[in-house]
Amino acid sequence: MLHLLAPAGSSEAVIAAVQNGADMIYMEYGATAGGSGMSREELAQSIRYCRVRGCGAAVTMDELLTDGQLPEAVKRAVYAAEQGAEAILVRDPGFIYALRRVLPDMALWGSVRMGIHSLAGAATAAALGLRRVTLTPELDLEQIQTIAEGLPIETAVCVHGPVCFSYSGQCYMSAMSGQERSDSRLRCAEPCRERLSLGGRMDE
């Protein structure tokens, strides 16, 4: 069965997605306080808005975490679960392990930032206890079908988004741009969107 899933980084985006027919909302709620996305209050309000209207509510917490950041991330995940989140989109293996211990019944879904682009990669995600994986948008329909038919868990695909120039979550161009922003911290500066030049040879 197909479901329409929509990402949302604000309460306004949640309302727009629900009113336009989304079956579930992926709410951006960074695993650390410095991550991007909603505040605690916005998240709680948005989850309630979805549940009252029969729309699913999941949270995205898929940045990479250091040992020092992990405890806070777990607390934020527990808070999301207490507010009624049905699933958490994750990327960091250490975070996955920690959540399995404190939220054993919570559905964990692999984010597109995991870079899952093969059946073997998807099987590894399943072995980690993930119930769904989001495949990279670089795959064609035949590749998607091969992975979906070979897995005991659900698969998701991105049909619209930033159309990253690299495999999603695997690009470090932003982190090297001098702006102290990294996609691994959910703060991509999208430098690939800028007008680039090789000494005037690519200015046309």
N, C-alpha and C. Protein backbone atom coordinates (compact mmCIF):
# COMPACT_ATOMS: atom_id res chain seq x y z
N MET A 1 0.84 -1.19 0.00
CA MET A 1 0.00 0.00 0.00
C MET A 1 0.88 1.25 0.00
N LEU A 2 0.54 2.18 -0.85
CA LEU A 2 1.30 3.42 -0.93
C LEU A 2 0.76 4.46 0.04
N HIS A 3 1.68 5.21 0.66
CA HIS A 3 1.32 6.32 1.53
C HIS A 3 2.12 7.54 1.10
N LEU A 4 1.46 8.70 1.17
CA LEU A 4 2.13 9.96 0.85
C LEU A 4 2.70 10.55 2.13
N LEU A 5 4.02 10.67 2.17
CA LEU A 5 4.72 11.20 3.34
C LEU A 5 5.29 12.57 3.00
N ALA A 6 5.17 13.50 3.92
CA ALA A 6 5.64 14.86 3.66
C ALA A 6 6.53 15.35 4.79
N PRO A 7 7.71 15.92 4.46
CA PRO A 7 8.55 16.51 5.50
C PRO A 7 8.03 17.90 5.87
N ALA A 8 8.25 18.28 7.12
CA ALA A 8 7.81 19.61 7.55
C ALA A 8 8.74 20.11 8.64
N GLY A 9 9.22 21.33 8.48
CA GLY A 9 10.12 21.92 9.46
C GLY A 9 9.49 23.00 10.30
N SER A 10 8.19 23.21 10.15
CA SER A 10 7.50 24.24 10.93
C SER A 10 6.04 23.85 11.10
N SER A 11 5.37 24.49 12.05
CA SER A 11 3.95 24.22 12.27
C SER A 11 3.13 24.58 11.04
N GLU A 12 3.50 25.65 10.37
CA GLU A 12 2.78 26.07 9.17
C GLU A 12 2.89 25.01 8.07
N ALA A 13 4.09 24.42 7.94
CA ALA A 13 4.27 23.39 6.93
C ALA A 13 3.46 22.14 7.25
N VAL A 14 3.35 21.83 8.53
CA VAL A 14 2.54 20.68 8.94
C VAL A 14 1.09 20.89 8.54
N ILE A 15 0.56 22.04 8.84
CA ILE A 15 -0.84 22.35 8.50
C ILE A 15 -1.07 22.25 7.01
N ALA A 16 -0.15 22.82 6.22
CA ALA A 16 -0.30 22.78 4.77
C ALA A 16 -0.26 21.35 4.25
N ALA A 17 0.64 20.52 4.78
CA ALA A 17 0.76 19.14 4.31
C ALA A 17 -0.48 18.33 4.66
N VAL A 18 -0.98 18.49 5.87
CA VAL A 18 -2.18 17.76 6.29
C VAL A 18 -3.37 18.18 5.44
N GLN A 19 -3.53 19.47 5.23
CA GLN A 19 -4.68 19.96 4.48
C GLN A 19 -4.62 19.59 3.00
N ASN A 20 -3.44 19.23 2.54
CA ASN A 20 -3.31 18.84 1.13
C ASN A 20 -3.20 17.32 0.94
N GLY A 21 -3.57 16.57 1.97
CA GLY A 21 -3.76 15.14 1.79
C GLY A 21 -2.62 14.22 2.18
N ALA A 22 -1.61 14.68 2.88
CA ALA A 22 -0.52 13.79 3.29
C ALA A 22 -1.04 12.75 4.28
N ASP A 23 -0.53 11.52 4.16
CA ASP A 23 -0.92 10.46 5.09
C ASP A 23 -0.10 10.50 6.37
N MET A 24 1.12 11.00 6.27
CA MET A 24 1.99 11.11 7.44
C MET A 24 2.95 12.26 7.25
N ILE A 25 3.31 12.91 8.36
CA ILE A 25 4.24 14.02 8.32
C ILE A 25 5.54 13.62 9.01
N TYR A 26 6.66 13.89 8.35
CA TYR A 26 7.98 13.75 8.96
C TYR A 26 8.36 15.12 9.51
N MET A 27 8.27 15.29 10.82
CA MET A 27 8.55 16.59 11.41
C MET A 27 10.03 16.70 11.75
N GLU A 28 10.66 17.75 11.29
CA GLU A 28 12.08 17.96 11.54
C GLU A 28 12.28 18.39 12.99
N TYR A 29 12.97 17.53 13.73
CA TYR A 29 13.18 17.77 15.15
C TYR A 29 14.59 17.29 15.47
N GLY A 30 15.57 18.17 15.27
CA GLY A 30 16.97 17.77 15.39
C GLY A 30 17.26 16.98 16.64
N ALA A 31 18.14 16.00 16.53
CA ALA A 31 18.45 15.16 17.68
C ALA A 31 19.15 15.94 18.78
N THR A 32 19.74 17.08 18.45
CA THR A 32 20.35 17.95 19.44
C THR A 32 19.67 19.31 19.39
N ALA A 33 19.79 20.05 20.47
CA ALA A 33 19.12 21.35 20.54
C ALA A 33 19.62 22.28 19.44
N GLY A 34 20.85 22.07 18.99
CA GLY A 34 21.40 22.93 17.95
C GLY A 34 21.01 22.50 16.56
N GLY A 35 20.30 21.37 16.45
CA GLY A 35 19.89 20.89 15.14
C GLY A 35 18.76 21.73 14.58
N SER A 36 18.42 21.49 13.34
CA SER A 36 17.37 22.27 12.71
C SER A 36 16.00 21.70 13.07
N GLY A 37 14.96 22.44 12.78
CA GLY A 37 13.62 21.94 12.96
C GLY A 37 12.85 22.64 14.06
N MET A 38 11.82 21.97 14.54
CA MET A 38 10.87 22.55 15.47
C MET A 38 11.40 22.59 16.90
N SER A 39 10.80 23.49 17.66
CA SER A 39 11.03 23.51 19.10
C SER A 39 10.17 22.44 19.74
N ARG A 40 10.38 22.20 21.03
CA ARG A 40 9.57 21.22 21.75
C ARG A 40 8.09 21.58 21.69
N GLU A 41 7.79 22.85 21.89
CA GLU A 41 6.40 23.29 21.90
C GLU A 41 5.75 23.12 20.53
N GLU A 42 6.49 23.49 19.48
CA GLU A 42 5.95 23.34 18.13
C GLU A 42 5.71 21.87 17.80
N LEU A 43 6.64 21.02 18.22
CA LEU A 43 6.50 19.60 17.95
C LEU A 43 5.25 19.03 18.61
N ALA A 44 5.06 19.32 19.89
CA ALA A 44 3.90 18.81 20.62
C ALA A 44 2.61 19.29 19.96
N GLN A 45 2.56 20.56 19.61
CA GLN A 45 1.37 21.12 18.98
C GLN A 45 1.10 20.47 17.63
N SER A 46 2.15 20.25 16.86
CA SER A 46 1.99 19.69 15.52
C SER A 46 1.56 18.23 15.57
N ILE A 47 2.10 17.47 16.53
CA ILE A 47 1.69 16.08 16.66
C ILE A 47 0.21 16.00 17.02
N ARG A 48 -0.22 16.85 17.94
CA ARG A 48 -1.65 16.87 18.30
C ARG A 48 -2.51 17.23 17.10
N TYR A 49 -2.07 18.20 16.32
CA TYR A 49 -2.81 18.62 15.13
C TYR A 49 -3.00 17.43 14.18
N CYS A 50 -1.94 16.67 13.98
CA CYS A 50 -2.02 15.52 13.08
C CYS A 50 -2.93 14.43 13.62
N ARG A 51 -2.76 14.09 14.87
CA ARG A 51 -3.51 12.98 15.45
C ARG A 51 -5.01 13.26 15.45
N VAL A 52 -5.41 14.48 15.73
CA VAL A 52 -6.83 14.84 15.74
C VAL A 52 -7.43 14.67 14.35
N ARG A 53 -6.61 14.85 13.32
CA ARG A 53 -7.11 14.81 11.95
C ARG A 53 -6.80 13.48 11.25
N GLY A 54 -6.36 12.49 11.99
CA GLY A 54 -6.14 11.16 11.43
C GLY A 54 -4.91 11.05 10.56
N CYS A 55 -3.97 11.96 10.73
CA CYS A 55 -2.73 11.94 9.96
C CYS A 55 -1.60 11.41 10.83
N GLY A 56 -0.74 10.57 10.28
CA GLY A 56 0.38 10.03 11.04
C GLY A 56 1.41 11.10 11.35
N ALA A 57 2.15 10.90 12.43
CA ALA A 57 3.16 11.87 12.84
C ALA A 57 4.45 11.15 13.22
N ALA A 58 5.52 11.45 12.50
CA ALA A 58 6.85 10.92 12.79
C ALA A 58 7.80 12.09 12.96
N VAL A 59 8.95 11.84 13.58
CA VAL A 59 9.94 12.90 13.74
C VAL A 59 11.26 12.48 13.10
N THR A 60 11.94 13.45 12.53
CA THR A 60 13.23 13.21 11.90
C THR A 60 14.34 13.69 12.83
N MET A 61 15.21 12.75 13.24
CA MET A 61 16.33 13.05 14.12
C MET A 61 17.55 12.34 13.55
N ASP A 62 18.00 12.81 12.39
CA ASP A 62 18.97 12.02 11.64
C ASP A 62 20.32 12.70 11.42
N GLU A 63 20.75 13.52 12.39
CA GLU A 63 22.12 14.02 12.28
C GLU A 63 23.09 13.06 12.95
N LEU A 64 24.36 13.21 12.66
CA LEU A 64 25.39 12.41 13.30
C LEU A 64 25.67 12.97 14.69
N LEU A 65 25.93 12.09 15.65
CA LEU A 65 26.05 12.51 17.05
C LEU A 65 27.38 12.09 17.65
N THR A 66 27.91 12.94 18.50
CA THR A 66 29.10 12.59 19.26
C THR A 66 28.66 11.96 20.58
N ASP A 67 29.61 11.39 21.32
CA ASP A 67 29.28 10.80 22.62
C ASP A 67 28.65 11.82 23.56
N GLY A 68 29.14 13.04 23.51
CA GLY A 68 28.61 14.07 24.39
C GLY A 68 27.20 14.51 24.04
N GLN A 69 26.82 14.35 22.77
CA GLN A 69 25.49 14.77 22.32
C GLN A 69 24.44 13.69 22.47
N LEU A 70 24.87 12.45 22.61
CA LEU A 70 23.93 11.33 22.61
C LEU A 70 22.90 11.38 23.74
N PRO A 71 23.29 11.68 25.00
CA PRO A 71 22.28 11.71 26.08
C PRO A 71 21.15 12.71 25.81
N GLU A 72 21.52 13.90 25.33
CA GLU A 72 20.49 14.90 25.04
C GLU A 72 19.58 14.41 23.92
N ALA A 73 20.16 13.78 22.90
CA ALA A 73 19.38 13.28 21.78
C ALA A 73 18.36 12.25 22.24
N VAL A 74 18.78 11.37 23.12
CA VAL A 74 17.88 10.34 23.64
C VAL A 74 16.73 10.99 24.41
N LYS A 75 17.03 12.01 25.23
CA LYS A 75 15.98 12.71 25.98
C LYS A 75 14.96 13.34 25.04
N ARG A 76 15.46 13.92 23.95
CA ARG A 76 14.55 14.56 23.00
C ARG A 76 13.68 13.52 22.30
N ALA A 77 14.26 12.36 22.02
CA ALA A 77 13.49 11.29 21.39
C ALA A 77 12.40 10.78 22.33
N VAL A 78 12.73 10.63 23.61
CA VAL A 78 11.74 10.20 24.60
C VAL A 78 10.61 11.21 24.68
N TYR A 79 10.96 12.49 24.63
CA TYR A 79 9.93 13.54 24.66
C TYR A 79 9.01 13.40 23.45
N ALA A 80 9.58 13.19 22.27
CA ALA A 80 8.76 13.03 21.06
C ALA A 80 7.83 11.84 21.19
N ALA A 81 8.32 10.74 21.76
CA ALA A 81 7.50 9.56 21.96
C ALA A 81 6.36 9.86 22.93
N GLU A 82 6.64 10.60 23.98
CA GLU A 82 5.62 10.96 24.97
C GLU A 82 4.52 11.83 24.36
N GLN A 83 4.89 12.61 23.35
CA GLN A 83 3.90 13.48 22.70
C GLN A 83 3.05 12.73 21.67
N GLY A 84 3.43 11.49 21.38
CA GLY A 84 2.62 10.68 20.46
C GLY A 84 3.24 10.42 19.11
N ALA A 85 4.53 10.69 18.94
CA ALA A 85 5.18 10.38 17.66
C ALA A 85 5.12 8.87 17.41
N GLU A 86 4.83 8.49 16.18
CA GLU A 86 4.67 7.07 15.84
C GLU A 86 5.98 6.43 15.39
N ALA A 87 6.93 7.24 14.95
CA ALA A 87 8.20 6.71 14.47
C ALA A 87 9.26 7.80 14.53
N ILE A 88 10.51 7.37 14.54
CA ILE A 88 11.63 8.30 14.53
C ILE A 88 12.54 7.92 13.37
N LEU A 89 12.84 8.89 12.50
CA LEU A 89 13.77 8.68 11.40
C LEU A 89 15.18 8.92 11.90
N VAL A 90 16.04 7.95 11.69
CA VAL A 90 17.38 7.98 12.27
C VAL A 90 18.44 7.70 11.21
N ARG A 91 19.68 7.99 11.59
CA ARG A 91 20.82 7.72 10.72
C ARG A 91 22.01 7.14 11.50
N ASP A 92 22.27 7.69 12.68
CA ASP A 92 23.45 7.35 13.44
C ASP A 92 23.29 5.97 14.11
N PRO A 93 24.19 5.02 13.84
CA PRO A 93 24.08 3.67 14.44
C PRO A 93 24.10 3.69 15.96
N GLY A 94 24.92 4.56 16.56
CA GLY A 94 24.95 4.65 18.02
C GLY A 94 23.63 5.12 18.59
N PHE A 95 22.99 6.06 17.90
CA PHE A 95 21.68 6.57 18.32
C PHE A 95 20.64 5.47 18.21
N ILE A 96 20.72 4.69 17.13
CA ILE A 96 19.79 3.58 16.94
C ILE A 96 19.90 2.61 18.12
N TYR A 97 21.13 2.26 18.48
CA TYR A 97 21.36 1.33 19.58
C TYR A 97 20.80 1.89 20.89
N ALA A 98 21.03 3.16 21.14
CA ALA A 98 20.54 3.78 22.38
C ALA A 98 19.02 3.81 22.42
N LEU A 99 18.39 4.13 21.30
CA LEU A 99 16.92 4.18 21.27
C LEU A 99 16.30 2.81 21.44
N ARG A 100 16.94 1.78 20.92
CA ARG A 100 16.43 0.43 21.08
C ARG A 100 16.36 0.04 22.56
N ARG A 101 17.24 0.62 23.36
CA ARG A 101 17.27 0.29 24.79
C ARG A 101 16.22 1.06 25.59
N VAL A 102 16.00 2.33 25.25
CA VAL A 102 15.08 3.14 26.05
C VAL A 102 13.66 3.21 25.47
N LEU A 103 13.55 2.98 24.15
CA LEU A 103 12.23 2.98 23.49
C LEU A 103 12.09 1.71 22.65
N PRO A 104 12.03 0.55 23.30
CA PRO A 104 12.04 -0.72 22.55
C PRO A 104 10.86 -0.91 21.60
N ASP A 105 9.75 -0.25 21.87
CA ASP A 105 8.56 -0.43 21.03
C ASP A 105 8.41 0.65 19.96
N MET A 106 9.28 1.66 19.98
CA MET A 106 9.18 2.74 19.00
C MET A 106 9.66 2.27 17.63
N ALA A 107 8.90 2.60 16.60
CA ALA A 107 9.32 2.28 15.23
C ALA A 107 10.45 3.20 14.83
N LEU A 108 11.57 2.63 14.40
CA LEU A 108 12.71 3.40 13.90
C LEU A 108 12.80 3.18 12.40
N TRP A 109 12.91 4.28 11.68
CA TRP A 109 12.99 4.23 10.22
C TRP A 109 14.30 4.84 9.77
N GLY A 110 14.93 4.22 8.80
CA GLY A 110 16.18 4.73 8.28
C GLY A 110 15.96 5.94 7.39
N SER A 111 16.65 7.02 7.71
CA SER A 111 16.55 8.26 6.92
C SER A 111 17.27 8.11 5.58
N VAL A 112 16.91 8.99 4.65
CA VAL A 112 17.59 9.01 3.36
C VAL A 112 19.07 9.32 3.54
N ARG A 113 19.42 9.99 4.64
CA ARG A 113 20.82 10.32 4.90
C ARG A 113 21.67 9.09 5.24
N MET A 114 21.06 7.96 5.45
CA MET A 114 21.83 6.74 5.68
C MET A 114 22.53 6.29 4.40
N GLY A 115 22.06 6.79 3.25
CA GLY A 115 22.68 6.43 1.98
C GLY A 115 22.41 5.00 1.55
N ILE A 116 21.23 4.47 1.86
CA ILE A 116 20.89 3.09 1.48
C ILE A 116 20.58 3.05 -0.01
N HIS A 117 21.42 2.35 -0.76
CA HIS A 117 21.24 2.30 -2.21
C HIS A 117 21.44 0.89 -2.78
N SER A 118 21.39 -0.12 -1.91
CA SER A 118 21.54 -1.50 -2.37
C SER A 118 20.75 -2.43 -1.46
N LEU A 119 20.49 -3.63 -1.96
CA LEU A 119 19.77 -4.62 -1.15
C LEU A 119 20.57 -4.99 0.09
N ALA A 120 21.89 -5.11 -0.07
CA ALA A 120 22.74 -5.45 1.08
C ALA A 120 22.69 -4.35 2.14
N GLY A 121 22.71 -3.10 1.69
CA GLY A 121 22.64 -1.99 2.64
C GLY A 121 21.30 -1.96 3.36
N ALA A 122 20.22 -2.23 2.63
CA ALA A 122 18.90 -2.25 3.23
C ALA A 122 18.77 -3.41 4.22
N ALA A 123 19.36 -4.55 3.88
CA ALA A 123 19.33 -5.70 4.78
C ALA A 123 20.09 -5.40 6.06
N THR A 124 21.18 -4.65 5.96
CA THR A 124 21.94 -4.25 7.14
C THR A 124 21.10 -3.35 8.05
N ALA A 125 20.35 -2.44 7.42
CA ALA A 125 19.47 -1.57 8.20
C ALA A 125 18.40 -2.39 8.91
N ALA A 126 17.88 -3.40 8.23
CA ALA A 126 16.88 -4.27 8.84
C ALA A 126 17.47 -5.02 10.03
N ALA A 127 18.72 -5.43 9.89
CA ALA A 127 19.39 -6.16 10.98
C ALA A 127 19.59 -5.27 12.20
N LEU A 128 19.65 -3.95 12.00
CA LEU A 128 19.77 -3.01 13.11
C LEU A 128 18.45 -2.81 13.83
N GLY A 129 17.39 -3.38 13.28
CA GLY A 129 16.08 -3.25 13.90
C GLY A 129 15.19 -2.19 13.29
N LEU A 130 15.60 -1.62 12.15
CA LEU A 130 14.77 -0.60 11.50
C LEU A 130 13.59 -1.26 10.80
N ARG A 131 12.45 -0.63 10.88
CA ARG A 131 11.23 -1.17 10.28
C ARG A 131 10.96 -0.62 8.88
N ARG A 132 11.67 0.44 8.53
CA ARG A 132 11.51 1.04 7.19
C ARG A 132 12.81 1.73 6.84
N VAL A 133 13.16 1.72 5.56
CA VAL A 133 14.33 2.47 5.10
C VAL A 133 13.91 3.37 3.95
N THR A 134 14.49 4.55 3.93
CA THR A 134 14.27 5.48 2.84
C THR A 134 15.44 5.36 1.88
N LEU A 135 15.17 4.94 0.67
CA LEU A 135 16.22 4.71 -0.32
C LEU A 135 16.69 6.03 -0.91
N THR A 136 17.94 6.05 -1.38
CA THR A 136 18.46 7.26 -1.98
C THR A 136 17.75 7.57 -3.29
N PRO A 137 17.54 8.84 -3.60
CA PRO A 137 16.79 9.20 -4.80
C PRO A 137 17.52 8.94 -6.11
N GLU A 138 18.79 8.51 -6.02
CA GLU A 138 19.55 8.23 -7.25
C GLU A 138 19.15 6.91 -7.91
N LEU A 139 18.40 6.06 -7.22
CA LEU A 139 18.04 4.74 -7.74
C LEU A 139 16.94 4.85 -8.79
N ASP A 140 16.99 3.95 -9.78
CA ASP A 140 15.92 3.90 -10.77
C ASP A 140 14.83 2.93 -10.29
N LEU A 141 13.74 2.84 -11.03
CA LEU A 141 12.60 2.03 -10.61
C LEU A 141 12.95 0.55 -10.48
N GLU A 142 13.77 0.05 -11.37
CA GLU A 142 14.15 -1.36 -11.30
C GLU A 142 14.96 -1.66 -10.04
N GLN A 143 15.87 -0.77 -9.70
CA GLN A 143 16.67 -0.96 -8.50
C GLN A 143 15.80 -0.87 -7.24
N ILE A 144 14.87 0.07 -7.23
CA ILE A 144 13.96 0.20 -6.10
C ILE A 144 13.13 -1.06 -5.92
N GLN A 145 12.64 -1.59 -7.03
CA GLN A 145 11.82 -2.80 -6.98
C GLN A 145 12.62 -3.98 -6.44
N THR A 146 13.86 -4.11 -6.87
CA THR A 146 14.71 -5.21 -6.40
C THR A 146 14.88 -5.17 -4.89
N ILE A 147 15.12 -3.97 -4.36
CA ILE A 147 15.31 -3.82 -2.92
C ILE A 147 14.00 -4.06 -2.17
N ALA A 148 12.91 -3.47 -2.66
CA ALA A 148 11.61 -3.58 -1.98
C ALA A 148 11.13 -5.02 -1.92
N GLU A 149 11.34 -5.77 -2.99
CA GLU A 149 10.87 -7.16 -3.03
C GLU A 149 11.78 -8.10 -2.24
N GLY A 150 13.01 -7.67 -1.96
CA GLY A 150 13.94 -8.54 -1.26
C GLY A 150 14.03 -8.31 0.23
N LEU A 151 13.21 -7.37 0.74
CA LEU A 151 13.31 -7.01 2.15
C LEU A 151 12.06 -7.39 2.93
N PRO A 152 12.22 -7.74 4.21
CA PRO A 152 11.06 -8.02 5.07
C PRO A 152 10.54 -6.75 5.74
N ILE A 153 11.12 -5.59 5.42
CA ILE A 153 10.67 -4.33 6.01
C ILE A 153 10.19 -3.39 4.91
N GLU A 154 9.57 -2.29 5.31
CA GLU A 154 9.02 -1.34 4.36
C GLU A 154 10.12 -0.47 3.74
N THR A 155 9.83 0.04 2.55
CA THR A 155 10.75 0.97 1.89
C THR A 155 10.02 2.26 1.55
N ALA A 156 10.77 3.34 1.53
CA ALA A 156 10.24 4.63 1.13
C ALA A 156 11.19 5.25 0.12
N VAL A 157 10.67 6.10 -0.75
CA VAL A 157 11.50 6.78 -1.74
C VAL A 157 11.11 8.25 -1.78
N CYS A 158 12.07 9.10 -2.09
CA CYS A 158 11.82 10.53 -2.23
C CYS A 158 11.42 10.83 -3.67
N VAL A 159 10.26 11.44 -3.84
CA VAL A 159 9.83 11.81 -5.18
C VAL A 159 9.99 13.30 -5.43
N HIS A 160 10.29 14.05 -4.36
CA HIS A 160 10.55 15.48 -4.53
C HIS A 160 11.34 15.95 -3.31
N GLY A 161 12.22 16.88 -3.52
CA GLY A 161 13.03 17.38 -2.43
C GLY A 161 14.12 18.27 -2.97
N PRO A 162 15.23 18.42 -2.25
CA PRO A 162 16.30 19.30 -2.69
C PRO A 162 17.06 18.77 -3.90
N VAL A 163 16.82 17.50 -4.28
CA VAL A 163 17.53 16.88 -5.40
C VAL A 163 19.03 17.10 -5.23
N CYS A 164 19.57 16.56 -4.14
CA CYS A 164 20.97 16.74 -3.80
C CYS A 164 21.88 16.27 -4.92
N PHE A 165 22.96 17.01 -5.17
CA PHE A 165 23.89 16.65 -6.22
C PHE A 165 24.68 15.39 -5.87
N SER A 166 24.76 15.08 -4.59
CA SER A 166 25.51 13.92 -4.11
C SER A 166 24.54 12.91 -3.55
N TYR A 167 25.06 11.72 -3.19
CA TYR A 167 24.22 10.80 -2.44
C TYR A 167 23.82 11.50 -1.15
N SER A 168 22.53 11.52 -0.88
CA SER A 168 22.00 12.28 0.25
C SER A 168 22.71 11.91 1.55
N GLY A 169 23.17 12.93 2.27
CA GLY A 169 23.83 12.71 3.54
C GLY A 169 25.29 12.33 3.44
N GLN A 170 25.83 12.21 2.25
CA GLN A 170 27.21 11.77 2.09
C GLN A 170 28.12 12.87 1.55
N CYS A 171 27.60 14.09 1.41
CA CYS A 171 28.36 15.19 0.85
C CYS A 171 28.92 16.08 1.95
N TYR A 172 30.19 16.44 1.83
CA TYR A 172 30.84 17.28 2.84
C TYR A 172 31.21 18.65 2.27
N MET A 173 30.66 18.97 1.11
CA MET A 173 30.98 20.23 0.47
C MET A 173 30.56 21.41 1.34
N SER A 174 29.40 21.33 1.96
CA SER A 174 28.92 22.41 2.80
C SER A 174 29.82 22.62 4.00
N ALA A 175 30.28 21.53 4.61
CA ALA A 175 31.14 21.62 5.79
C ALA A 175 32.47 22.27 5.46
N MET A 176 32.90 22.21 4.20
CA MET A 176 34.18 22.78 3.78
C MET A 176 34.03 24.18 3.21
N SER A 177 32.81 24.71 3.25
CA SER A 177 32.56 26.01 2.61
C SER A 177 32.96 27.20 3.46
N GLY A 178 33.38 26.95 4.71
CA GLY A 178 33.77 28.04 5.58
C GLY A 178 32.62 28.66 6.34
N GLN A 179 31.42 28.10 6.19
CA GLN A 179 30.24 28.65 6.87
C GLN A 179 29.89 27.87 8.13
N GLU A 180 30.71 26.91 8.50
CA GLU A 180 30.47 26.07 9.68
C GLU A 180 29.09 25.43 9.62
N ARG A 181 28.74 24.95 8.45
CA ARG A 181 27.46 24.28 8.27
C ARG A 181 27.71 22.95 7.58
N SER A 182 27.00 21.92 8.02
CA SER A 182 27.19 20.60 7.47
C SER A 182 25.86 19.88 7.37
N ASP A 183 25.67 19.13 6.30
CA ASP A 183 24.46 18.34 6.15
C ASP A 183 24.36 17.28 7.23
N SER A 184 25.50 16.83 7.75
CA SER A 184 25.50 15.84 8.82
C SER A 184 24.91 16.40 10.10
N ARG A 185 24.86 17.74 10.20
CA ARG A 185 24.24 18.41 11.34
C ARG A 185 22.91 19.05 10.94
N LEU A 186 22.39 18.67 9.80
CA LEU A 186 21.11 19.19 9.28
C LEU A 186 21.17 20.68 8.99
N ARG A 187 22.35 21.17 8.59
CA ARG A 187 22.51 22.60 8.32
C ARG A 187 23.18 22.83 6.98
N CYS A 188 22.80 22.10 5.97
CA CYS A 188 23.45 22.23 4.68
C CYS A 188 23.28 23.64 4.11
N ALA A 189 24.39 24.24 3.69
CA ALA A 189 24.37 25.58 3.12
C ALA A 189 24.06 25.55 1.63
N GLU A 190 23.94 24.33 1.07
CA GLU A 190 23.65 24.13 -0.36
C GLU A 190 24.62 24.91 -1.26
N PRO A 191 25.92 24.75 -1.05
CA PRO A 191 26.87 25.47 -1.90
C PRO A 191 26.81 25.02 -3.35
N CYS A 192 26.30 23.82 -3.60
CA CYS A 192 26.22 23.34 -4.98
C CYS A 192 25.19 24.12 -5.79
N ARG A 193 24.36 24.93 -5.12
CA ARG A 193 23.38 25.75 -5.83
C ARG A 193 23.99 27.07 -6.31
N GLU A 194 25.20 27.37 -5.79
CA GLU A 194 25.82 28.64 -6.15
C GLU A 194 26.39 28.57 -7.57
N ARG A 195 26.58 29.74 -8.16
CA ARG A 195 27.19 29.84 -9.49
C ARG A 195 28.69 29.60 -9.33
N LEU A 196 29.19 28.54 -9.92
CA LEU A 196 30.60 28.16 -9.78
C LEU A 196 31.35 28.43 -11.07
N SER A 197 32.67 28.56 -10.95
CA SER A 197 33.48 28.85 -12.11
C SER A 197 34.85 28.21 -11.99
N LEU A 198 35.41 27.82 -13.11
CA LEU A 198 36.79 27.34 -13.16
C LEU A 198 37.59 28.37 -13.97
N GLY A 199 37.91 29.48 -13.33
CA GLY A 199 38.69 30.51 -13.97
C GLY A 199 38.04 31.09 -15.20
N GLY A 200 36.71 31.20 -15.18
CA GLY A 200 36.00 31.79 -16.29
C GLY A 200 35.63 30.81 -17.38
N ARG A 201 36.06 29.56 -17.28
CA ARG A 201 35.79 28.60 -18.35
C ARG A 201 34.39 28.01 -18.28
N MET A 202 33.67 28.21 -17.16
CA MET A 202 32.34 27.64 -17.05
C MET A 202 31.31 28.71 -16.70
N ASP A 203 31.58 29.93 -17.13
CA ASP A 203 30.69 31.02 -16.79
C ASP A 203 29.50 31.16 -17.73
N GLU A 204 29.53 30.44 -18.82
CA GLU A 204 28.43 30.58 -19.77
C GLU A 204 27.25 29.72 -19.38
